[in-house]
């Protein structure tokens, strides 16, 4: 049984033990990318054997394994340099209140993300319909980006 003291410290009752959990930075992310690397390697080898060494799919699967391996290795190297207290997400006993600081300003009533989504849609339709549509999508994207960036500098949201 554990009691919380007014100063924030923990007191454990006599006869019970409290296990100290070891905080490993970026552990979940590293495990995810290592397993994805292993998965893509197994699938690439199986595909290579079943598809009679088809070059495009085999290359794509091996490159997917390599990219996941690079990401996992980068996260592993970063975790070696990171202190356990650096990321509150890695603490199994962490609370939401542990995350301090400003996360940014978000406008819940903004229409500019919809404009940007429409611009991306036009951009991706360009190669299928005509390249002129990609140019139109680029113009709409520039207008949408400017609108989103300057949203809090004009109108009723100006500060």
N, C-alpha and C. Protein backbone atom coordinates (compact mmCIF):
# COMPACT_ATOMS: atom_id res chain seq x y z
N UNK A 1 0.85 -1.17 0.00
CA UNK A 1 0.00 0.00 0.00
C UNK A 1 0.89 1.23 0.00
N UNK A 2 0.55 2.19 -0.81
CA UNK A 2 1.35 3.40 -0.96
C UNK A 2 0.50 4.61 -0.60
N UNK A 3 1.12 5.54 0.12
CA UNK A 3 0.42 6.77 0.51
C UNK A 3 1.15 7.96 -0.09
N UNK A 4 0.37 8.95 -0.49
CA UNK A 4 0.94 10.17 -1.06
C UNK A 4 1.13 11.19 0.06
N UNK A 5 2.33 11.73 0.19
CA UNK A 5 2.64 12.75 1.19
C UNK A 5 2.34 14.14 0.63
N UNK A 6 2.14 15.14 1.49
CA UNK A 6 1.87 16.49 1.00
C UNK A 6 2.98 17.07 0.13
N UNK A 7 4.23 16.63 0.36
CA UNK A 7 5.33 17.15 -0.45
C UNK A 7 5.47 16.43 -1.78
N UNK A 8 4.59 15.45 -2.05
CA UNK A 8 4.62 14.74 -3.32
C UNK A 8 5.38 13.42 -3.27
N UNK A 9 6.02 13.10 -2.14
CA UNK A 9 6.78 11.86 -2.05
C UNK A 9 5.84 10.70 -1.75
N UNK A 10 6.32 9.48 -2.04
CA UNK A 10 5.55 8.27 -1.82
C UNK A 10 6.07 7.54 -0.59
N UNK A 11 5.17 7.06 0.25
CA UNK A 11 5.54 6.27 1.41
C UNK A 11 4.92 4.90 1.24
N UNK A 12 5.73 3.85 1.39
CA UNK A 12 5.26 2.48 1.25
C UNK A 12 5.06 1.88 2.64
N UNK A 13 3.94 1.17 2.81
CA UNK A 13 3.65 0.56 4.11
C UNK A 13 4.67 -0.53 4.42
N UNK A 14 4.84 -0.81 5.71
CA UNK A 14 5.80 -1.83 6.15
C UNK A 14 5.32 -3.20 5.67
N UNK A 15 6.27 -3.99 5.18
CA UNK A 15 5.96 -5.34 4.75
C UNK A 15 5.59 -5.45 3.28
N UNK A 16 5.44 -4.36 2.60
CA UNK A 16 5.15 -4.42 1.17
C UNK A 16 6.32 -3.84 0.40
N UNK A 17 6.45 -4.28 -0.81
CA UNK A 17 7.53 -3.76 -1.65
C UNK A 17 6.92 -3.07 -2.86
N UNK A 18 7.55 -2.02 -3.26
CA UNK A 18 7.12 -1.29 -4.45
C UNK A 18 8.19 -1.45 -5.51
N UNK A 19 7.82 -1.97 -6.64
CA UNK A 19 8.81 -2.19 -7.69
C UNK A 19 9.06 -0.90 -8.45
N UNK A 20 10.29 -0.65 -8.73
CA UNK A 20 10.68 0.53 -9.50
C UNK A 20 10.68 0.15 -10.97
N UNK A 21 9.85 0.80 -11.76
CA UNK A 21 9.82 0.51 -13.19
C UNK A 21 10.91 1.29 -13.88
N UNK A 22 11.59 0.61 -14.78
CA UNK A 22 12.70 1.23 -15.51
C UNK A 22 12.14 1.93 -16.74
N UNK A 23 12.49 3.19 -16.88
CA UNK A 23 12.02 3.98 -18.01
C UNK A 23 13.01 3.83 -19.16
N UNK A 24 12.53 3.37 -20.29
CA UNK A 24 13.38 3.22 -21.47
C UNK A 24 12.88 4.18 -22.54
N UNK A 25 13.67 5.21 -22.85
CA UNK A 25 13.21 6.19 -23.84
C UNK A 25 13.03 5.57 -25.22
N UNK A 26 11.96 5.95 -25.87
CA UNK A 26 11.66 5.55 -27.26
C UNK A 26 11.54 4.05 -27.45
N UNK A 27 11.27 3.30 -26.39
CA UNK A 27 11.26 1.84 -26.50
C UNK A 27 10.14 1.35 -27.42
N UNK A 28 8.94 1.90 -27.28
CA UNK A 28 7.82 1.43 -28.09
C UNK A 28 8.07 1.68 -29.58
N UNK A 29 8.64 2.84 -29.89
CA UNK A 29 8.91 3.17 -31.29
C UNK A 29 9.98 2.27 -31.88
N UNK A 30 11.01 1.99 -31.09
CA UNK A 30 12.10 1.12 -31.56
C UNK A 30 11.57 -0.27 -31.85
N UNK A 31 10.78 -0.82 -30.93
CA UNK A 31 10.23 -2.16 -31.11
C UNK A 31 9.34 -2.20 -32.36
N UNK A 32 8.53 -1.17 -32.55
CA UNK A 32 7.65 -1.12 -33.72
C UNK A 32 8.45 -1.19 -35.02
N UNK A 33 9.49 -0.37 -35.14
CA UNK A 33 10.24 -0.33 -36.39
C UNK A 33 11.12 -1.57 -36.58
N UNK A 34 11.60 -2.16 -35.50
CA UNK A 34 12.37 -3.40 -35.63
C UNK A 34 11.46 -4.52 -36.13
N UNK A 35 10.27 -4.62 -35.58
CA UNK A 35 9.34 -5.66 -36.03
C UNK A 35 8.89 -5.42 -37.47
N UNK A 36 8.69 -4.17 -37.84
CA UNK A 36 8.35 -3.88 -39.24
C UNK A 36 9.49 -4.25 -40.18
N UNK A 37 10.73 -4.03 -39.74
CA UNK A 37 11.88 -4.42 -40.55
C UNK A 37 11.92 -5.92 -40.75
N UNK A 38 11.74 -6.67 -39.67
CA UNK A 38 11.74 -8.13 -39.76
C UNK A 38 10.59 -8.60 -40.66
N UNK A 39 9.41 -8.00 -40.48
CA UNK A 39 8.25 -8.39 -41.29
C UNK A 39 8.52 -8.16 -42.78
N UNK A 40 9.02 -6.98 -43.13
CA UNK A 40 9.27 -6.69 -44.55
C UNK A 40 10.38 -7.56 -45.12
N UNK A 41 11.37 -7.91 -44.31
CA UNK A 41 12.41 -8.83 -44.81
C UNK A 41 11.84 -10.21 -45.10
N UNK A 42 11.02 -10.72 -44.20
CA UNK A 42 10.41 -12.04 -44.41
C UNK A 42 9.50 -12.01 -45.64
N UNK A 43 8.68 -10.97 -45.74
CA UNK A 43 7.77 -10.86 -46.89
C UNK A 43 8.55 -10.68 -48.19
N UNK A 44 9.63 -9.92 -48.16
CA UNK A 44 10.43 -9.71 -49.37
C UNK A 44 11.07 -11.01 -49.84
N UNK A 45 11.59 -11.79 -48.91
CA UNK A 45 12.21 -13.07 -49.29
C UNK A 45 11.15 -14.03 -49.82
N UNK A 46 9.99 -14.09 -49.14
CA UNK A 46 8.92 -14.97 -49.61
C UNK A 46 8.41 -14.52 -50.98
N UNK A 47 8.26 -13.22 -51.17
CA UNK A 47 7.80 -12.70 -52.46
C UNK A 47 8.81 -12.99 -53.56
N UNK A 48 10.08 -12.85 -53.22
CA UNK A 48 11.12 -13.10 -54.21
C UNK A 48 11.09 -14.55 -54.67
N UNK A 49 10.86 -15.46 -53.75
CA UNK A 49 10.84 -16.88 -54.11
C UNK A 49 9.55 -17.27 -54.82
N UNK A 50 8.42 -16.74 -54.37
CA UNK A 50 7.14 -17.11 -54.96
C UNK A 50 6.93 -16.45 -56.32
N UNK A 51 7.34 -15.19 -56.46
CA UNK A 51 7.10 -14.45 -57.70
C UNK A 51 8.21 -14.64 -58.71
N UNK A 52 9.07 -15.59 -58.48
CA UNK A 52 10.14 -15.92 -59.42
C UNK A 52 11.04 -14.71 -59.70
N UNK A 53 11.50 -14.09 -58.62
CA UNK A 53 12.46 -12.97 -58.67
C UNK A 53 11.95 -11.79 -59.48
N UNK A 54 10.69 -11.42 -59.29
CA UNK A 54 10.12 -10.25 -59.96
C UNK A 54 10.82 -9.01 -59.39
N UNK A 55 11.45 -8.18 -60.23
CA UNK A 55 12.36 -7.15 -59.71
C UNK A 55 11.69 -5.97 -59.02
N UNK A 56 10.54 -5.51 -59.50
CA UNK A 56 9.96 -4.28 -58.95
C UNK A 56 9.41 -4.50 -57.54
N UNK A 57 8.60 -5.51 -57.37
CA UNK A 57 8.03 -5.78 -56.05
C UNK A 57 9.08 -6.19 -55.04
N UNK A 58 10.04 -7.00 -55.47
CA UNK A 58 11.11 -7.43 -54.57
C UNK A 58 11.93 -6.23 -54.11
N UNK A 59 12.27 -5.35 -55.04
CA UNK A 59 13.04 -4.16 -54.68
C UNK A 59 12.24 -3.27 -53.73
N UNK A 60 10.96 -3.08 -54.00
CA UNK A 60 10.12 -2.24 -53.13
C UNK A 60 10.05 -2.80 -51.72
N UNK A 61 9.90 -4.11 -51.60
CA UNK A 61 9.81 -4.71 -50.26
C UNK A 61 11.14 -4.64 -49.52
N UNK A 62 12.25 -4.88 -50.22
CA UNK A 62 13.55 -4.75 -49.55
C UNK A 62 13.83 -3.30 -49.16
N UNK A 63 13.44 -2.36 -50.00
CA UNK A 63 13.62 -0.95 -49.64
C UNK A 63 12.74 -0.57 -48.46
N UNK A 64 11.53 -1.12 -48.37
CA UNK A 64 10.68 -0.87 -47.22
C UNK A 64 11.33 -1.40 -45.94
N UNK A 65 11.91 -2.58 -46.03
CA UNK A 65 12.62 -3.12 -44.87
C UNK A 65 13.80 -2.24 -44.50
N UNK A 66 14.54 -1.77 -45.50
CA UNK A 66 15.69 -0.92 -45.23
C UNK A 66 15.30 0.41 -44.60
N UNK A 67 14.23 1.03 -45.09
CA UNK A 67 13.80 2.30 -44.53
C UNK A 67 13.31 2.14 -43.09
N UNK A 68 12.58 1.07 -42.82
CA UNK A 68 12.18 0.81 -41.44
C UNK A 68 13.39 0.53 -40.56
N UNK A 69 14.37 -0.18 -41.10
CA UNK A 69 15.60 -0.44 -40.34
C UNK A 69 16.36 0.84 -40.03
N UNK A 70 16.45 1.74 -41.02
CA UNK A 70 17.11 3.03 -40.78
C UNK A 70 16.39 3.82 -39.69
N UNK A 71 15.06 3.84 -39.74
CA UNK A 71 14.30 4.58 -38.74
C UNK A 71 14.48 3.96 -37.36
N UNK A 72 14.43 2.63 -37.27
CA UNK A 72 14.64 1.97 -35.99
C UNK A 72 16.03 2.21 -35.44
N UNK A 73 17.05 2.17 -36.31
CA UNK A 73 18.43 2.43 -35.86
C UNK A 73 18.58 3.87 -35.39
N UNK A 74 17.97 4.81 -36.10
CA UNK A 74 18.04 6.21 -35.69
C UNK A 74 17.39 6.40 -34.32
N UNK A 75 16.21 5.81 -34.12
CA UNK A 75 15.54 5.93 -32.83
C UNK A 75 16.35 5.27 -31.73
N UNK A 76 17.00 4.14 -32.02
CA UNK A 76 17.83 3.47 -31.02
C UNK A 76 19.01 4.35 -30.63
N UNK A 77 19.66 4.95 -31.63
CA UNK A 77 20.79 5.85 -31.33
C UNK A 77 20.32 7.09 -30.57
N UNK A 78 19.16 7.60 -30.91
CA UNK A 78 18.62 8.75 -30.19
C UNK A 78 18.27 8.37 -28.76
N UNK A 79 17.73 7.18 -28.55
CA UNK A 79 17.37 6.74 -27.20
C UNK A 79 18.60 6.58 -26.32
N UNK A 80 19.73 6.23 -26.91
CA UNK A 80 20.96 6.10 -26.11
C UNK A 80 21.42 7.45 -25.59
N UNK A 81 21.14 8.52 -26.34
CA UNK A 81 21.55 9.86 -25.92
C UNK A 81 20.50 10.57 -25.07
N UNK A 82 19.28 10.05 -25.04
CA UNK A 82 18.18 10.71 -24.35
C UNK A 82 18.12 10.25 -22.91
N UNK A 83 17.91 11.21 -22.01
CA UNK A 83 17.72 10.85 -20.60
C UNK A 83 16.32 10.31 -20.41
N UNK A 84 16.12 9.43 -19.43
CA UNK A 84 14.79 8.86 -19.22
C UNK A 84 13.72 9.90 -18.89
N UNK A 85 14.11 11.01 -18.32
CA UNK A 85 13.14 12.03 -17.93
C UNK A 85 12.80 12.97 -19.08
N UNK A 86 13.45 12.83 -20.22
CA UNK A 86 13.28 13.78 -21.31
C UNK A 86 11.90 13.68 -21.95
N UNK A 87 11.34 12.49 -22.02
CA UNK A 87 10.03 12.32 -22.66
C UNK A 87 9.03 11.80 -21.65
N UNK A 88 8.01 12.57 -21.38
CA UNK A 88 7.00 12.15 -20.42
C UNK A 88 6.18 10.99 -20.94
N UNK A 89 6.15 10.79 -22.26
CA UNK A 89 5.37 9.68 -22.82
C UNK A 89 5.95 8.33 -22.46
N UNK A 90 7.25 8.28 -22.15
CA UNK A 90 7.91 7.01 -21.86
C UNK A 90 7.76 6.59 -20.40
N UNK A 91 7.26 7.45 -19.55
CA UNK A 91 7.14 7.13 -18.14
C UNK A 91 5.84 6.36 -17.90
N UNK A 92 5.91 5.08 -17.48
CA UNK A 92 4.68 4.31 -17.28
C UNK A 92 3.84 4.85 -16.13
N UNK A 93 4.44 5.60 -15.22
CA UNK A 93 3.70 6.19 -14.10
C UNK A 93 3.36 7.65 -14.37
N UNK A 94 3.55 8.11 -15.58
CA UNK A 94 3.36 9.52 -15.92
C UNK A 94 1.89 9.91 -15.94
N UNK A 95 1.66 11.17 -15.68
CA UNK A 95 0.32 11.75 -15.72
C UNK A 95 0.24 12.76 -16.86
N UNK A 96 -0.97 13.10 -17.24
CA UNK A 96 -1.14 14.09 -18.29
C UNK A 96 -0.56 15.43 -17.85
N UNK A 97 -0.66 15.73 -16.57
CA UNK A 97 -0.16 17.00 -16.05
C UNK A 97 1.36 17.10 -16.15
N UNK A 98 2.05 15.97 -16.35
CA UNK A 98 3.51 16.01 -16.49
C UNK A 98 3.94 16.73 -17.76
N UNK A 99 3.07 16.75 -18.74
CA UNK A 99 3.38 17.42 -19.99
C UNK A 99 3.08 18.90 -19.81
N UNK A 100 4.11 19.70 -19.63
CA UNK A 100 3.91 21.12 -19.41
C UNK A 100 4.32 21.88 -20.66
N UNK A 101 3.87 23.09 -20.71
CA UNK A 101 4.25 23.94 -21.83
C UNK A 101 3.12 24.10 -22.82
N UNK A 102 3.31 25.06 -23.70
CA UNK A 102 2.31 25.39 -24.69
C UNK A 102 2.45 24.46 -25.89
N UNK A 103 1.34 23.88 -26.31
CA UNK A 103 1.36 22.98 -27.46
C UNK A 103 1.09 23.70 -28.76
N UNK A 104 0.69 24.95 -28.70
CA UNK A 104 0.44 25.71 -29.91
C UNK A 104 -0.94 26.34 -29.91
N UNK A 105 -1.23 27.07 -30.95
CA UNK A 105 -2.52 27.72 -31.10
C UNK A 105 -3.28 27.04 -32.22
N UNK A 106 -4.48 26.61 -31.91
CA UNK A 106 -5.28 25.93 -32.91
C UNK A 106 -6.64 26.61 -32.99
N UNK A 107 -7.09 26.88 -34.18
CA UNK A 107 -8.39 27.50 -34.39
C UNK A 107 -9.40 26.42 -34.75
N UNK A 108 -10.33 26.12 -33.86
CA UNK A 108 -11.28 25.05 -34.16
C UNK A 108 -12.27 25.40 -35.26
N UNK A 109 -12.45 26.69 -35.55
CA UNK A 109 -13.41 27.08 -36.57
C UNK A 109 -12.78 27.46 -37.89
N UNK A 110 -11.56 27.05 -38.13
CA UNK A 110 -10.85 27.46 -39.33
C UNK A 110 -11.29 26.63 -40.54
N UNK A 111 -11.47 27.33 -41.67
CA UNK A 111 -11.80 26.67 -42.92
C UNK A 111 -10.58 26.46 -43.80
N UNK A 112 -9.44 26.99 -43.40
CA UNK A 112 -8.25 26.90 -44.26
C UNK A 112 -7.73 25.48 -44.43
N UNK A 113 -7.80 24.60 -43.43
CA UNK A 113 -7.38 23.21 -43.70
C UNK A 113 -8.21 22.53 -44.78
N UNK A 114 -9.49 22.89 -44.88
CA UNK A 114 -10.33 22.34 -45.94
C UNK A 114 -9.86 22.83 -47.31
N UNK A 115 -9.48 24.11 -47.39
CA UNK A 115 -8.95 24.66 -48.64
C UNK A 115 -7.66 23.94 -49.02
N UNK A 116 -6.79 23.71 -48.04
CA UNK A 116 -5.53 23.00 -48.32
C UNK A 116 -5.79 21.55 -48.75
N UNK A 117 -6.76 20.90 -48.15
CA UNK A 117 -7.12 19.55 -48.57
C UNK A 117 -7.64 19.52 -50.00
N UNK A 118 -8.43 20.51 -50.36
CA UNK A 118 -8.91 20.62 -51.74
C UNK A 118 -7.75 20.84 -52.71
N UNK A 119 -6.78 21.66 -52.28
CA UNK A 119 -5.61 21.92 -53.13
C UNK A 119 -4.79 20.65 -53.34
N UNK A 120 -4.63 19.86 -52.30
CA UNK A 120 -3.89 18.59 -52.44
C UNK A 120 -4.64 17.64 -53.37
N UNK A 121 -5.97 17.63 -53.25
CA UNK A 121 -6.77 16.80 -54.15
C UNK A 121 -6.58 17.21 -55.60
N UNK A 122 -6.60 18.51 -55.86
CA UNK A 122 -6.35 18.99 -57.23
C UNK A 122 -4.95 18.62 -57.70
N UNK A 123 -3.98 18.72 -56.80
CA UNK A 123 -2.60 18.38 -57.18
C UNK A 123 -2.44 16.92 -57.55
N UNK A 124 -3.11 16.04 -56.81
CA UNK A 124 -2.99 14.61 -57.12
C UNK A 124 -3.85 14.20 -58.31
N UNK A 125 -4.87 14.97 -58.62
CA UNK A 125 -5.66 14.68 -59.81
C UNK A 125 -4.94 15.12 -61.08
N UNK A 126 -3.97 16.00 -60.94
CA UNK A 126 -3.25 16.54 -62.08
C UNK A 126 -2.67 15.51 -63.02
N UNK A 127 -1.89 14.55 -62.55
CA UNK A 127 -1.32 13.56 -63.48
C UNK A 127 -2.38 12.70 -64.16
N UNK A 128 -3.54 12.50 -63.52
CA UNK A 128 -4.57 11.67 -64.13
C UNK A 128 -5.41 12.43 -65.14
N UNK A 129 -5.73 13.69 -64.83
CA UNK A 129 -6.63 14.46 -65.69
C UNK A 129 -5.86 15.33 -66.67
N UNK A 130 -4.92 16.06 -66.14
CA UNK A 130 -4.12 16.97 -66.96
C UNK A 130 -3.21 17.78 -66.04
N UNK A 131 -2.02 18.08 -66.53
CA UNK A 131 -1.05 18.76 -65.69
C UNK A 131 -1.48 20.16 -65.32
N UNK A 132 -2.39 20.76 -66.09
CA UNK A 132 -2.89 22.08 -65.75
C UNK A 132 -3.58 22.08 -64.39
N UNK A 133 -4.17 20.93 -64.01
CA UNK A 133 -4.86 20.84 -62.73
C UNK A 133 -3.87 20.88 -61.56
N UNK A 134 -2.66 20.36 -61.77
CA UNK A 134 -1.63 20.45 -60.73
C UNK A 134 -1.25 21.91 -60.51
N UNK A 135 -1.15 22.68 -61.59
CA UNK A 135 -0.87 24.11 -61.45
C UNK A 135 -1.98 24.84 -60.71
N UNK A 136 -3.23 24.49 -61.03
CA UNK A 136 -4.36 25.08 -60.33
C UNK A 136 -4.33 24.70 -58.85
N UNK A 137 -3.99 23.45 -58.56
CA UNK A 137 -3.87 23.01 -57.17
C UNK A 137 -2.77 23.75 -56.42
N UNK A 138 -1.68 24.06 -57.12
CA UNK A 138 -0.58 24.81 -56.49
C UNK A 138 -1.02 26.23 -56.14
N UNK A 139 -1.78 26.86 -57.03
CA UNK A 139 -2.28 28.21 -56.75
C UNK A 139 -3.24 28.20 -55.56
N UNK A 140 -4.16 27.23 -55.53
CA UNK A 140 -5.09 27.12 -54.41
C UNK A 140 -4.33 26.81 -53.12
N UNK A 141 -3.27 26.00 -53.20
CA UNK A 141 -2.47 25.68 -52.01
C UNK A 141 -1.77 26.91 -51.47
N UNK A 142 -1.24 27.76 -52.34
CA UNK A 142 -0.58 28.98 -51.89
C UNK A 142 -1.57 29.92 -51.20
N UNK A 143 -2.77 30.05 -51.76
CA UNK A 143 -3.80 30.88 -51.13
C UNK A 143 -4.19 30.29 -49.78
N UNK A 144 -4.40 28.98 -49.72
CA UNK A 144 -4.77 28.32 -48.47
C UNK A 144 -3.69 28.42 -47.41
N UNK A 145 -2.44 28.28 -47.82
CA UNK A 145 -1.33 28.39 -46.87
C UNK A 145 -1.22 29.80 -46.32
N UNK A 146 -1.34 30.80 -47.19
CA UNK A 146 -1.29 32.18 -46.72
C UNK A 146 -2.47 32.47 -45.79
N UNK A 147 -3.64 31.96 -46.14
CA UNK A 147 -4.80 32.17 -45.28
C UNK A 147 -4.64 31.55 -43.91
N UNK A 148 -4.08 30.35 -43.85
CA UNK A 148 -3.89 29.69 -42.56
C UNK A 148 -2.79 30.36 -41.74
N UNK A 149 -1.74 30.80 -42.40
CA UNK A 149 -0.64 31.43 -41.66
C UNK A 149 -1.03 32.79 -41.10
N UNK A 150 -1.84 33.54 -41.84
CA UNK A 150 -2.20 34.89 -41.40
C UNK A 150 -3.60 34.96 -40.80
N UNK A 151 -4.16 33.82 -40.42
CA UNK A 151 -5.51 33.79 -39.89
C UNK A 151 -5.65 34.60 -38.61
N UNK A 152 -4.65 34.56 -37.75
CA UNK A 152 -4.74 35.27 -36.48
C UNK A 152 -4.23 36.70 -36.58
N UNK A 153 -3.93 37.18 -37.77
CA UNK A 153 -3.44 38.55 -37.94
C UNK A 153 -4.47 39.48 -38.57
N UNK A 154 -5.64 38.96 -38.89
CA UNK A 154 -6.66 39.81 -39.50
C UNK A 154 -8.04 39.31 -39.09
N UNK A 155 -9.03 40.14 -39.31
CA UNK A 155 -10.40 39.77 -39.00
C UNK A 155 -10.69 39.75 -37.51
N UNK A 156 -11.65 38.92 -37.10
CA UNK A 156 -12.06 38.90 -35.70
C UNK A 156 -11.04 38.22 -34.79
N UNK A 157 -10.11 37.46 -35.36
CA UNK A 157 -9.10 36.75 -34.56
C UNK A 157 -7.80 37.52 -34.45
N UNK A 158 -7.75 38.75 -34.93
CA UNK A 158 -6.49 39.51 -34.94
C UNK A 158 -6.01 39.76 -33.51
N UNK A 159 -4.72 39.66 -33.34
CA UNK A 159 -4.13 39.95 -32.03
C UNK A 159 -2.96 40.87 -32.16
